[in-house]
PDB file of N, CA and C in Angstrom:
ATOM      1  N   MET A   1      -6.440  -6.212 -31.238  1.00  0.00           N
ATOM      2  CA  MET A   1      -6.411  -5.078 -30.349  1.00  0.00           C
ATOM      3  C   MET A   1      -4.958  -4.808 -29.971  1.00  0.00           C
ATOM      4  N   ASN A   2      -4.558  -3.566 -30.103  1.00  0.00           N
ATOM      5  CA  ASN A   2      -3.178  -3.243 -29.760  1.00  0.00           C
ATOM      6  C   ASN A   2      -3.046  -2.029 -28.848  1.00  0.00           C
ATOM      7  N   VAL A   3      -4.165  -1.478 -28.385  1.00  0.00           N
ATOM      8  CA  VAL A   3      -4.132  -0.368 -27.436  1.00  0.00           C
ATOM      9  C   VAL A   3      -5.092  -0.679 -26.296  1.00  0.00           C
ATOM     10  N   PHE A   4      -4.559  -0.696 -25.082  1.00  0.00           N
ATOM     11  CA  PHE A   4      -5.365  -0.915 -23.885  1.00  0.00           C
ATOM     12  C   PHE A   4      -5.183   0.293 -22.983  1.00  0.00           C
ATOM     13  N   ALA A   5      -6.264   0.791 -22.431  1.00  0.00           N
ATOM     14  CA  ALA A   5      -6.184   1.967 -21.573  1.00  0.00           C
ATOM     15  C   ALA A   5      -7.016   1.762 -20.322  1.00  0.00           C
ATOM     16  N   TYR A   6      -6.488   2.245 -19.219  1.00  0.00           N
ATOM     17  CA  TYR A   6      -7.203   2.247 -17.949  1.00  0.00           C
ATOM     18  C   TYR A   6      -6.818   3.531 -17.229  1.00  0.00           C
ATOM     19  N   ALA A   7      -7.792   4.383 -16.995  1.00  0.00           N
ATOM     20  CA  ALA A   7      -7.568   5.700 -16.377  1.00  0.00           C
ATOM     21  C   ALA A   7      -6.519   6.457 -17.191  1.00  0.00           C
ATOM     22  N   ASP A   8      -5.373   6.757 -16.592  1.00  0.00           N
ATOM     23  CA  ASP A   8      -4.349   7.493 -17.337  1.00  0.00           C
ATOM     24  C   ASP A   8      -3.203   6.593 -17.797  1.00  0.00           C
ATOM     25  N   ASP A   9      -3.399   5.270 -17.744  1.00  0.00           N
ATOM     26  CA  ASP A   9      -2.388   4.314 -18.204  1.00  0.00           C
ATOM     27  C   ASP A   9      -2.763   3.769 -19.571  1.00  0.00           C
ATOM     28  N   VAL A  10      -1.768   3.687 -20.449  1.00  0.00           N
ATOM     29  CA  VAL A  10      -1.984   3.163 -21.794  1.00  0.00           C
ATOM     30  C   VAL A  10      -0.930   2.093 -22.070  1.00  0.00           C
ATOM     31  N   VAL A  11      -1.364   0.977 -22.630  1.00  0.00           N
ATOM     32  CA  VAL A  11      -0.456  -0.091 -23.045  1.00  0.00           C
ATOM     33  C   VAL A  11      -0.585  -0.240 -24.555  1.00  0.00           C
ATOM     34  N   LEU A  12       0.550  -0.240 -25.226  1.00  0.00           N
ATOM     35  CA  LEU A  12       0.585  -0.457 -26.678  1.00  0.00           C
ATOM     36  C   LEU A  12       1.195  -1.825 -26.939  1.00  0.00           C
ATOM     37  N   LEU A  13       0.586  -2.600 -27.810  1.00  0.00           N
ATOM     38  CA  LEU A  13       1.107  -3.915 -28.206  1.00  0.00           C
ATOM     39  C   LEU A  13       1.292  -3.935 -29.711  1.00  0.00           C
ATOM     40  N   ALA A  14       2.425  -4.449 -30.153  1.00  0.00           N
ATOM     41  CA  ALA A  14       2.681  -4.541 -31.589  1.00  0.00           C
ATOM     42  C   ALA A  14       3.531  -5.780 -31.873  1.00  0.00           C
ATOM     43  N   PRO A  15       3.321  -6.410 -33.023  1.00  0.00           N
ATOM     44  CA  PRO A  15       4.088  -7.610 -33.357  1.00  0.00           C
ATOM     45  C   PRO A  15       5.466  -7.324 -33.939  1.00  0.00           C
ATOM     46  N   SER A  16       5.765  -6.050 -34.212  1.00  0.00           N
ATOM     47  CA  SER A  16       7.067  -5.721 -34.812  1.00  0.00           C
ATOM     48  C   SER A  16       7.555  -4.371 -34.308  1.00  0.00           C
ATOM     49  N   TRP A  17       8.856  -4.132 -34.486  1.00  0.00           N
ATOM     50  CA  TRP A  17       9.448  -2.858 -34.084  1.00  0.00           C
ATOM     51  C   TRP A  17       8.799  -1.715 -34.847  1.00  0.00           C
ATOM     52  N   HIS A  18       8.638  -1.871 -36.153  1.00  0.00           N
ATOM     53  CA  HIS A  18       8.036  -0.807 -36.968  1.00  0.00           C
ATOM     54  C   HIS A  18       6.583  -0.551 -36.566  1.00  0.00           C
ATOM     55  N   GLY A  19       5.858  -1.614 -36.253  1.00  0.00           N
ATOM     56  CA  GLY A  19       4.481  -1.453 -35.804  1.00  0.00           C
ATOM     57  C   GLY A  19       4.402  -0.656 -34.514  1.00  0.00           C
ATOM     58  N   MET A  20       5.330  -0.936 -33.590  1.00  0.00           N
ATOM     59  CA  MET A  20       5.347  -0.197 -32.326  1.00  0.00           C
ATOM     60  C   MET A  20       5.720   1.264 -32.557  1.00  0.00           C
ATOM     61  N   GLN A  21       6.686   1.509 -33.425  1.00  0.00           N
ATOM     62  CA  GLN A  21       7.081   2.888 -33.711  1.00  0.00           C
ATOM     63  C   GLN A  21       5.914   3.667 -34.316  1.00  0.00           C
ATOM     64  N   ASP A  22       5.143   3.022 -35.174  1.00  0.00           N
ATOM     65  CA  ASP A  22       3.948   3.670 -35.742  1.00  0.00           C
ATOM     66  C   ASP A  22       2.929   4.001 -34.655  1.00  0.00           C
ATOM     67  N   LEU A  23       2.702   3.059 -33.723  1.00  0.00           N
ATOM     68  CA  LEU A  23       1.759   3.311 -32.627  1.00  0.00           C
ATOM     69  C   LEU A  23       2.235   4.455 -31.731  1.00  0.00           C
ATOM     70  N   ILE A  24       3.527   4.507 -31.483  1.00  0.00           N
ATOM     71  CA  ILE A  24       4.080   5.587 -30.659  1.00  0.00           C
ATOM     72  C   ILE A  24       3.887   6.932 -31.360  1.00  0.00           C
ATOM     73  N   ALA A  25       4.085   6.960 -32.669  1.00  0.00           N
ATOM     74  CA  ALA A  25       3.887   8.205 -33.430  1.00  0.00           C
ATOM     75  C   ALA A  25       2.423   8.650 -33.373  1.00  0.00           C
ATOM     76  N   ILE A  26       1.501   7.701 -33.493  1.00  0.00           N
ATOM     77  CA  ILE A  26       0.074   8.027 -33.402  1.00  0.00           C
ATOM     78  C   ILE A  26      -0.261   8.530 -32.003  1.00  0.00           C
ATOM     79  N   LEU A  27       0.257   7.857 -30.976  1.00  0.00           N
ATOM     80  CA  LEU A  27       0.029   8.288 -29.597  1.00  0.00           C
ATOM     81  C   LEU A  27       0.551   9.705 -29.382  1.00  0.00           C
ATOM     82  N   SER A  28       1.724   9.968 -29.883  1.00  0.00           N
ATOM     83  CA  SER A  28       2.322  11.299 -29.738  1.00  0.00           C
ATOM     84  C   SER A  28       1.455  12.375 -30.390  1.00  0.00           C
ATOM     85  N   GLU A  29       0.958  12.095 -31.586  1.00  0.00           N
ATOM     86  CA  GLU A  29       0.099  13.063 -32.286  1.00  0.00           C
ATOM     87  C   GLU A  29      -1.227  13.279 -31.550  1.00  0.00           C
ATOM     88  N   CYS A  30      -1.808  12.188 -31.037  1.00  0.00           N
ATOM     89  CA  CYS A  30      -3.061  12.313 -30.283  1.00  0.00           C
ATOM     90  C   CYS A  30      -2.851  13.131 -29.016  1.00  0.00           C
ATOM     91  N   CYS A  31      -1.730  12.917 -28.350  1.00  0.00           N
ATOM     92  CA  CYS A  31      -1.428  13.692 -27.138  1.00  0.00           C
ATOM     93  C   CYS A  31      -1.301  15.180 -27.455  1.00  0.00           C
ATOM     94  N   LYS A  32      -0.660  15.489 -28.579  1.00  0.00           N
ATOM     95  CA  LYS A  32      -0.521  16.896 -28.965  1.00  0.00           C
ATOM     96  C   LYS A  32      -1.883  17.521 -29.235  1.00  0.00           C
ATOM     97  N   CYS A  33      -2.760  16.786 -29.889  1.00  0.00           N
ATOM     98  CA  CYS A  33      -4.109  17.301 -30.175  1.00  0.00           C
ATOM     99  C   CYS A  33      -4.902  17.557 -28.898  1.00  0.00           C
ATOM    100  N   LEU A  34      -4.660  16.728 -27.876  1.00  0.00           N
ATOM    101  CA  LEU A  34      -5.389  16.859 -26.611  1.00  0.00           C
ATOM    102  C   LEU A  34      -4.644  17.715 -25.589  1.00  0.00           C
ATOM    103  N   ASP A  35      -3.506  18.271 -26.004  1.00  0.00           N
ATOM    104  CA  ASP A  35      -2.667  19.094 -25.129  1.00  0.00           C
ATOM    105  C   ASP A  35      -2.203  18.305 -23.900  1.00  0.00           C
ATOM    106  N   LEU A  36      -1.753  17.058 -24.155  1.00  0.00           N
ATOM    107  CA  LEU A  36      -1.225  16.180 -23.118  1.00  0.00           C
ATOM    108  C   LEU A  36       0.241  15.874 -23.413  1.00  0.00           C
ATOM    109  N   GLU A  37       0.940  15.390 -22.401  1.00  0.00           N
ATOM    110  CA  GLU A  37       2.325  14.962 -22.579  1.00  0.00           C
ATOM    111  C   GLU A  37       2.490  13.542 -22.073  1.00  0.00           C
ATOM    112  N   CYS A  38       3.338  12.779 -22.755  1.00  0.00           N
ATOM    113  CA  CYS A  38       3.690  11.447 -22.273  1.00  0.00           C
ATOM    114  C   CYS A  38       4.871  11.607 -21.320  1.00  0.00           C
ATOM    115  N   ASN A  39       4.768  11.016 -20.136  1.00  0.00           N
ATOM    116  CA  ASN A  39       5.860  11.062 -19.172  1.00  0.00           C
ATOM    117  C   ASN A  39       6.848   9.956 -19.540  1.00  0.00           C
ATOM    118  N   VAL A  40       7.930  10.337 -20.204  1.00  0.00           N
ATOM    119  CA  VAL A  40       8.903   9.351 -20.702  1.00  0.00           C
ATOM    120  C   VAL A  40       9.635   8.670 -19.549  1.00  0.00           C
ATOM    121  N   ARG A  41       9.744   9.331 -18.400  1.00  0.00           N
ATOM    122  CA  ARG A  41      10.391   8.699 -17.238  1.00  0.00           C
ATOM    123  C   ARG A  41       9.566   7.514 -16.727  1.00  0.00           C
ATOM    124  N   LYS A  42       8.246   7.568 -16.879  1.00  0.00           N
ATOM    125  CA  LYS A  42       7.384   6.468 -16.448  1.00  0.00           C
ATOM    126  C   LYS A  42       7.090   5.486 -17.575  1.00  0.00           C
ATOM    127  N   THR A  43       7.415   5.845 -18.798  1.00  0.00           N
ATOM    128  CA  THR A  43       7.137   5.003 -19.956  1.00  0.00           C
ATOM    129  C   THR A  43       8.225   3.949 -20.097  1.00  0.00           C
ATOM    130  N   LYS A  44       7.832   2.710 -20.280  1.00  0.00           N
ATOM    131  CA  LYS A  44       8.770   1.593 -20.408  1.00  0.00           C
ATOM    132  C   LYS A  44       8.425   0.782 -21.641  1.00  0.00           C
ATOM    133  N   CYS A  45       9.436   0.102 -22.168  1.00  0.00           N
ATOM    134  CA  CYS A  45       9.250  -0.792 -23.314  1.00  0.00           C
ATOM    135  C   CYS A  45       9.753  -2.168 -22.919  1.00  0.00           C
ATOM    136  N   MET A  46       8.961  -3.181 -23.244  1.00  0.00           N
ATOM    137  CA  MET A  46       9.369  -4.548 -22.943  1.00  0.00           C
ATOM    138  C   MET A  46       9.124  -5.413 -24.173  1.00  0.00           C
ATOM    139  N   VAL A  47      10.120  -6.201 -24.531  1.00  0.00           N
ATOM    140  CA  VAL A  47       9.994  -7.139 -25.639  1.00  0.00           C
ATOM    141  C   VAL A  47       9.654  -8.502 -25.045  1.00  0.00           C
ATOM    142  N   VAL A  48       8.535  -9.068 -25.478  1.00  0.00           N
ATOM    143  CA  VAL A  48       8.116 -10.385 -25.002  1.00  0.00           C
ATOM    144  C   VAL A  48       8.732 -11.426 -25.928  1.00  0.00           C
ATOM    145  N   ASN A  49       9.483 -12.324 -25.339  1.00  0.00           N
ATOM    146  CA  ASN A  49      10.164 -13.350 -26.124  1.00  0.00           C
ATOM    147  C   ASN A  49       9.165 -14.307 -26.766  1.00  0.00           C
ATOM    148  N   PRO A  50       9.424 -14.720 -28.003  1.00  0.00           N
ATOM    149  CA  PRO A  50       8.523 -15.681 -28.658  1.00  0.00           C
ATOM    150  C   PRO A  50       8.634 -17.057 -28.010  1.00  0.00           C
ATOM    151  N   ILE A  51       7.587 -17.850 -28.172  1.00  0.00           N
ATOM    152  CA  ILE A  51       7.592 -19.205 -27.610  1.00  0.00           C
ATOM    153  C   ILE A  51       8.676 -20.040 -28.280  1.00  0.00           C
ATOM    154  N   SER A  52       8.786 -19.928 -29.584  1.00  0.00           N
ATOM    155  CA  SER A  52       9.801 -20.676 -30.330  1.00  0.00           C
ATOM    156  C   SER A  52      10.991 -19.764 -30.609  1.00  0.00           C
ATOM    157  N   VAL A  53      12.067 -19.933 -29.826  1.00  0.00           N
ATOM    158  CA  VAL A  53      13.233 -19.065 -29.998  1.00  0.00           C
ATOM    159  C   VAL A  53      13.960 -19.328 -31.309  1.00  0.00           C
ATOM    160  N   GLY A  54      13.683 -20.424 -31.949  1.00  0.00           N
ATOM    161  CA  GLY A  54      14.314 -20.717 -33.228  1.00  0.00           C
ATOM    162  C   GLY A  54      13.867 -19.772 -34.330  1.00  0.00           C
ATOM    163  N   THR A  55      12.715 -19.163 -34.163  1.00  0.00           N
ATOM    164  CA  THR A  55      12.208 -18.238 -35.184  1.00  0.00           C
ATOM    165  C   THR A  55      12.601 -16.787 -34.906  1.00  0.00           C
ATOM    166  N   THR A  56      13.378 -16.560 -33.845  1.00  0.00           N
ATOM    167  CA  THR A  56      13.788 -15.204 -33.493  1.00  0.00           C
ATOM    168  C   THR A  56      14.764 -14.670 -34.522  1.00  0.00           C
ATOM    169  N   VAL A  57      14.462 -13.510 -35.054  1.00  0.00           N
ATOM    170  CA  VAL A  57      15.329 -12.883 -36.047  1.00  0.00           C
ATOM    171  C   VAL A  57      16.354 -11.984 -35.354  1.00  0.00           C
ATOM    172  N   ARG A  58      15.898 -11.201 -34.366  1.00  0.00           N
ATOM    173  CA  ARG A  58      16.780 -10.297 -33.631  1.00  0.00           C
ATOM    174  C   ARG A  58      16.506 -10.392 -32.144  1.00  0.00           C
ATOM    175  N   ARG A  59      17.537 -10.152 -31.375  1.00  0.00           N
ATOM    176  CA  ARG A  59      17.375 -10.098 -29.922  1.00  0.00           C
ATOM    177  C   ARG A  59      17.576  -8.692 -29.384  1.00  0.00           C
ATOM    178  N   THR A  60      18.131  -7.811 -30.176  1.00  0.00           N
ATOM    179  CA  THR A  60      18.299  -6.417 -29.775  1.00  0.00           C
ATOM    180  C   THR A  60      17.563  -5.532 -30.767  1.00  0.00           C
ATOM    181  N   PHE A  61      17.074  -4.407 -30.276  1.00  0.00           N
ATOM    182  CA  PHE A  61      16.265  -3.523 -31.091  1.00  0.00           C
ATOM    183  C   PHE A  61      16.707  -2.084 -30.877  1.00  0.00           C
ATOM    184  N   PRO A  62      16.532  -1.247 -31.889  1.00  0.00           N
ATOM    185  CA  PRO A  62      16.816   0.173 -31.686  1.00  0.00           C
ATOM    186  C   PRO A  62      15.832   0.740 -30.656  1.00  0.00           C
ATOM    187  N   CYS A  63      16.265   1.779 -29.963  1.00  0.00           N
ATOM    188  CA  CYS A  63      15.413   2.405 -28.960  1.00  0.00           C
ATOM    189  C   CYS A  63      14.234   3.113 -29.610  1.00  0.00           C
ATOM    190  N   PHE A  64      13.129   3.146 -28.887  1.00  0.00           N
ATOM    191  CA  PHE A  64      11.978   3.943 -29.294  1.00  0.00           C
ATOM    192  C   PHE A  64      12.118   5.311 -28.649  1.00  0.00           C
ATOM    193  N   SER A  65      11.446   6.281 -29.232  1.00  0.00           N
ATOM    194  CA  SER A  65      11.475   7.614 -28.630  1.00  0.00           C
ATOM    195  C   SER A  65      10.138   8.308 -28.839  1.00  0.00           C
ATOM    196  N   ILE A  66       9.831   9.200 -27.907  1.00  0.00           N
ATOM    197  CA  ILE A  66       8.658  10.056 -28.012  1.00  0.00           C
ATOM    198  C   ILE A  66       9.171  11.491 -27.970  1.00  0.00           C
ATOM    199  N   ASP A  67       8.912  12.223 -29.016  1.00  0.00           N
ATOM    200  CA  ASP A  67       9.356  13.616 -29.118  1.00  0.00           C
ATOM    201  C   ASP A  67      10.847  13.762 -28.811  1.00  0.00           C
ATOM    202  N   GLY A  68      11.648  12.833 -29.306  1.00  0.00           N
ATOM    203  CA  GLY A  68      13.099  12.899 -29.149  1.00  0.00           C
ATOM    204  C   GLY A  68      13.623  12.364 -27.834  1.00  0.00           C
ATOM    205  N   GLN A  69      12.756  11.922 -26.941  1.00  0.00           N
ATOM    206  CA  GLN A  69      13.177  11.367 -25.655  1.00  0.00           C
ATOM    207  C   GLN A  69      13.132   9.849 -25.726  1.00  0.00           C
ATOM    208  N   ILE A  70      14.232   9.211 -25.335  1.00  0.00           N
ATOM    209  CA  ILE A  70      14.384   7.756 -25.432  1.00  0.00           C
ATOM    210  C   ILE A  70      13.519   7.043 -24.383  1.00  0.00           C
ATOM    211  N   ILE A  71      12.875   5.954 -24.807  1.00  0.00           N
ATOM    212  CA  ILE A  71      12.080   5.111 -23.917  1.00  0.00           C
ATOM    213  C   ILE A  71      12.958   3.959 -23.439  1.00  0.00           C
ATOM    214  N   GLU A  72      12.978   3.744 -22.132  1.00  0.00           N
ATOM    215  CA  GLU A  72      13.821   2.717 -21.527  1.00  0.00           C
ATOM    216  C   GLU A  72      13.271   1.314 -21.785  1.00  0.00           C
ATOM    217  N   PHE A  73      14.163   0.367 -22.144  1.00  0.00           N
ATOM    218  CA  PHE A  73      13.806  -1.047 -22.261  1.00  0.00           C
ATOM    219  C   PHE A  73      13.949  -1.690 -20.879  1.00  0.00           C
ATOM    220  N   VAL A  74      12.989  -2.531 -20.496  1.00  0.00           N
ATOM    221  CA  VAL A  74      13.042  -3.242 -19.216  1.00  0.00           C
ATOM    222  C   VAL A  74      12.685  -4.710 -19.438  1.00  0.00           C
ATOM    223  N   THR A  75      13.033  -5.548 -18.463  1.00  0.00           N
ATOM    224  CA  THR A  75      12.679  -6.965 -18.550  1.00  0.00           C
ATOM    225  C   THR A  75      11.422  -7.275 -17.743  1.00  0.00           C
ATOM    226  N   GLU A  76      11.059  -6.361 -16.822  1.00  0.00           N
ATOM    227  CA  GLU A  76       9.815  -6.485 -16.081  1.00  0.00           C
ATOM    228  C   GLU A  76       9.399  -5.117 -15.570  1.00  0.00           C
ATOM    229  N   PHE A  77       8.099  -4.956 -15.324  1.00  0.00           N
ATOM    230  CA  PHE A  77       7.603  -3.708 -14.749  1.00  0.00           C
ATOM    231  C   PHE A  77       6.258  -3.959 -14.087  1.00  0.00           C
ATOM    232  N   LYS A  78       5.869  -3.016 -13.234  1.00  0.00           N
ATOM    233  CA  LYS A  78       4.620  -3.131 -12.497  1.00  0.00           C
ATOM    234  C   LYS A  78       3.551  -2.336 -13.222  1.00  0.00           C
ATOM    235  N   TYR A  79       2.424  -2.979 -13.515  1.00  0.00           N
ATOM    236  CA  TYR A  79       1.314  -2.326 -14.206  1.00  0.00           C
ATOM    237  C   TYR A  79       0.017  -2.685 -13.492  1.00  0.00           C
ATOM    238  N   LEU A  80      -0.703  -1.685 -13.054  1.00  0.00           N
ATOM    239  CA  LEU A  80      -1.973  -1.859 -12.334  1.00  0.00           C
ATOM    240  C   LEU A  80      -1.826  -2.841 -11.173  1.00  0.00           C
ATOM    241  N   GLY A  81      -0.695  -2.759 -10.465  1.00  0.00           N
ATOM    242  CA  GLY A  81      -0.479  -3.573  -9.278  1.00  0.00           C
ATOM    243  C   GLY A  81       0.081  -4.952  -9.527  1.00  0.00           C
ATOM    244  N   HIS A  82       0.351  -5.314 -10.767  1.00  0.00           N
ATOM    245  CA  HIS A  82       0.898  -6.631 -11.091  1.00  0.00           C
ATOM    246  C   HIS A  82       2.231  -6.476 -11.804  1.00  0.00           C
ATOM    247  N   ILE A  83       3.157  -7.388 -11.527  1.00  0.00           N
ATOM    248  CA  ILE A  83       4.457  -7.358 -12.186  1.00  0.00           C
ATOM    249  C   ILE A  83       4.381  -8.187 -13.460  1.00  0.00           C
ATOM    250  N   LEU A  84       4.684  -7.561 -14.579  1.00  0.00           N
ATOM    251  CA  LEU A  84       4.721  -8.245 -15.873  1.00  0.00           C
ATOM    252  C   LEU A  84       6.175  -8.476 -16.251  1.00  0.00           C
ATOM    253  N   SER A  85       6.476  -9.645 -16.796  1.00  0.00           N
ATOM    254  CA  SER A  85       7.855  -9.930 -17.200  1.00  0.00           C
ATOM    255  C   SER A  85       7.908 -10.342 -18.663  1.00  0.00           C
ATOM    256  N   GLU A  86       9.098 -10.187 -19.239  1.00  0.00           N
ATOM    257  CA  GLU A  86       9.271 -10.507 -20.652  1.00  0.00           C
ATOM    258  C   GLU A  86       9.058 -11.983 -20.946  1.00  0.00           C
ATOM    259  N   LYS A  87       9.195 -12.838 -19.942  1.00  0.00           N
ATOM    260  CA  LYS A  87       8.991 -14.275 -20.121  1.00  0.00           C
ATOM    261  C   LYS A  87       7.529 -14.666 -19.936  1.00  0.00           C
ATOM    262  N   MET A  88       6.685 -13.674 -19.584  1.00  0.00           N
ATOM    263  CA  MET A  88       5.249 -13.872 -19.388  1.00  0.00           C
ATOM    264  C   MET A  88       4.948 -14.889 -18.296  1.00  0.00           C
ATOM    265  N   HIS A  89       5.815 -14.934 -17.269  1.00  0.00           N
ATOM    266  CA  HIS A  89       5.569 -15.746 -16.087  1.00  0.00           C
ATOM    267  C   HIS A  89       5.128 -14.820 -14.963  1.00  0.00           C
ATOM    268  N   ASP A  90       4.404 -15.361 -14.018  1.00  0.00           N
ATOM    269  CA  ASP A  90       3.975 -14.537 -12.895  1.00  0.00           C
ATOM    270  C   ASP A  90       4.764 -14.827 -11.626  1.00  0.00           C
ATOM    271  N   ASP A  91       5.945 -15.449 -11.754  1.00  0.00           N
ATOM    272  CA  ASP A  91       6.772 -15.793 -10.600  1.00  0.00           C
ATOM    273  C   ASP A  91       7.120 -14.567  -9.762  1.00  0.00           C
ATOM    274  N   CYS A  92       7.533 -13.472 -10.398  1.00  0.00           N
ATOM    275  CA  CYS A  92       7.912 -12.252  -9.666  1.00  0.00           C
ATOM    276  C   CYS A  92       6.724 -11.691  -8.901  1.00  0.00           C
ATOM    277  N   ASP A  93       5.574 -11.708  -9.508  1.00  0.00           N
ATOM    278  CA  ASP A  93       4.374 -11.190  -8.866  1.00  0.00           C
ATOM    279  C   ASP A  93       3.977 -12.068  -7.678  1.00  0.00           C
ATOM    280  N   ILE A  94       4.064 -13.379  -7.832  1.00  0.00           N
ATOM    281  CA  ILE A  94       3.728 -14.300  -6.745  1.00  0.00           C
ATOM    282  C   ILE A  94       4.705 -14.115  -5.587  1.00  0.00           C
ATOM    283  N   MET A  95       5.997 -14.012  -5.882  1.00  0.00           N
ATOM    284  CA  MET A  95       6.995 -13.828  -4.826  1.00  0.00           C
ATOM    285  C   MET A  95       6.785 -12.507  -4.089  1.00  0.00           C
ATOM    286  N   ARG A  96       6.413 -11.455  -4.794  1.00  0.00           N
ATOM    287  CA  ARG A  96       6.157 -10.157  -4.160  1.00  0.00           C
ATOM    288  C   ARG A  96       4.980 -10.275  -3.199  1.00  0.00           C
ATOM    289  N   LYS A  97       3.936 -10.973  -3.620  1.00  0.00           N
ATOM    290  CA  LYS A  97       2.756 -11.128  -2.763  1.00  0.00           C
ATOM    291  C   LYS A  97       3.052 -12.024  -1.558  1.00  0.00           C
ATOM    292  N   VAL A  98       3.866 -13.056  -1.747  1.00  0.00           N
ATOM    293  CA  VAL A  98       4.246 -13.924  -0.632  1.00  0.00           C
ATOM    294  C   VAL A  98       5.080 -13.139   0.375  1.00  0.00           C
ATOM    295  N   ARG A  99       6.021 -12.325  -0.107  1.00  0.00           N
ATOM    296  CA  ARG A  99       6.832 -11.500   0.798  1.00  0.00           C
ATOM    297  C   ARG A  99       5.946 -10.550   1.605  1.00  0.00           C
ATOM    298  N   ASN A 100       4.906 -10.011   0.981  1.00  0.00           N
ATOM    299  CA  ASN A 100       4.004  -9.100   1.694  1.00  0.00           C
ATOM    300  C   ASN A 100       3.190  -9.816   2.768  1.00  0.00           C
ATOM    301  N   ILE A 101       2.929 -11.111   2.562  1.00  0.00           N
ATOM    302  CA  ILE A 101       2.197 -11.879   3.565  1.00  0.00           C
ATOM    303  C   ILE A 101       3.133 -12.248   4.719  1.00  0.00           C
ATOM    304  N   VAL A 102       4.328 -12.730   4.375  1.00  0.00           N
ATOM    305  CA  VAL A 102       5.269 -13.207   5.379  1.00  0.00           C
ATOM    306  C   VAL A 102       5.922 -12.043   6.125  1.00  0.00           C
ATOM    307  N   PHE A 103       6.337 -11.004   5.380  1.00  0.00           N
ATOM    308  CA  PHE A 103       7.011  -9.851   5.967  1.00  0.00           C
ATOM    309  C   PHE A 103       6.244  -8.579   5.636  1.00  0.00           C
ATOM    310  N   PRO A 104       5.061  -8.382   6.246  1.00  0.00           N
ATOM    311  CA  PRO A 104       4.255  -7.223   5.862  1.00  0.00           C
ATOM    312  C   PRO A 104       4.849  -5.890   6.307  1.00  0.00           C
ATOM    313  N   TYR A 105       5.736  -5.913   7.310  1.00  0.00           N
ATOM    314  CA  TYR A 105       6.300  -4.665   7.808  1.00  0.00           C
ATOM    315  C   TYR A 105       7.812  -4.686   7.681  1.00  0.00           C
ATOM    316  N   THR A 106       8.369  -3.533   7.473  1.00  0.00           N
ATOM    317  CA  THR A 106       9.810  -3.404   7.433  1.00  0.00           C
ATOM    318  C   THR A 106      10.235  -2.618   8.662  1.00  0.00           C
ATOM    319  N   TYR A 107      11.140  -3.185   9.430  1.00  0.00           N
ATOM    320  CA  TYR A 107      11.623  -2.529  10.641  1.00  0.00           C
ATOM    321  C   TYR A 107      13.026  -1.999  10.385  1.00  0.00           C
ATOM    322  N   VAL A 108      13.254  -0.776  10.771  1.00  0.00           N
ATOM    323  CA  VAL A 108      14.563  -0.160  10.580  1.00  0.00           C
ATOM    324  C   VAL A 108      15.076   0.283  11.929  1.00  0.00           C
ATOM    325  N   ILE A 109      16.298  -0.127  12.241  1.00  0.00           N
ATOM    326  CA  ILE A 109      16.929   0.280  13.486  1.00  0.00           C
ATOM    327  C   ILE A 109      18.164   1.097  13.111  1.00  0.00           C
ATOM    328  N   THR A 110      18.251   2.270  13.654  1.00  0.00           N
ATOM    329  CA  THR A 110      19.428   3.100  13.396  1.00  0.00           C
ATOM    330  C   THR A 110      20.138   3.365  14.688  1.00  0.00           C
ATOM    331  N   THR A 111      21.442   3.458  14.626  1.00  0.00           N
ATOM    332  CA  THR A 111      22.245   3.802  15.796  1.00  0.00           C
ATOM    333  C   THR A 111      23.085   5.014  15.458  1.00  0.00           C
ATOM    334  N   PHE A 112      23.357   5.803  16.466  1.00  0.00           N
ATOM    335  CA  PHE A 112      24.145   7.020  16.243  1.00  0.00           C
ATOM    336  C   PHE A 112      25.500   6.879  16.863  1.00  0.00           C
TER     337      PHE A 112
END
């Protein structure tokens, strides 16, 4: 399985750069058929590091694009309320939830 969808969110998974580019091209064509647009400002790309770094061939990749618009590479992002990271750890998500428990409110004091 390489396409996951929930409401208006879609996640594409591919084992290679070319595989991902093919999925993006298919997504773009499907959107055109349905008269939809992909919001490239909200679209992110994340490369998940392999468990065995010795088998890594490349660490940098050419940018992906949808209809000529570049997709931003990120190391983590929030999806359906959870923070996903390229290292596949949930430390960032746990820390965010702990901060919300300990400091649920933000107080701002301004002086003139």
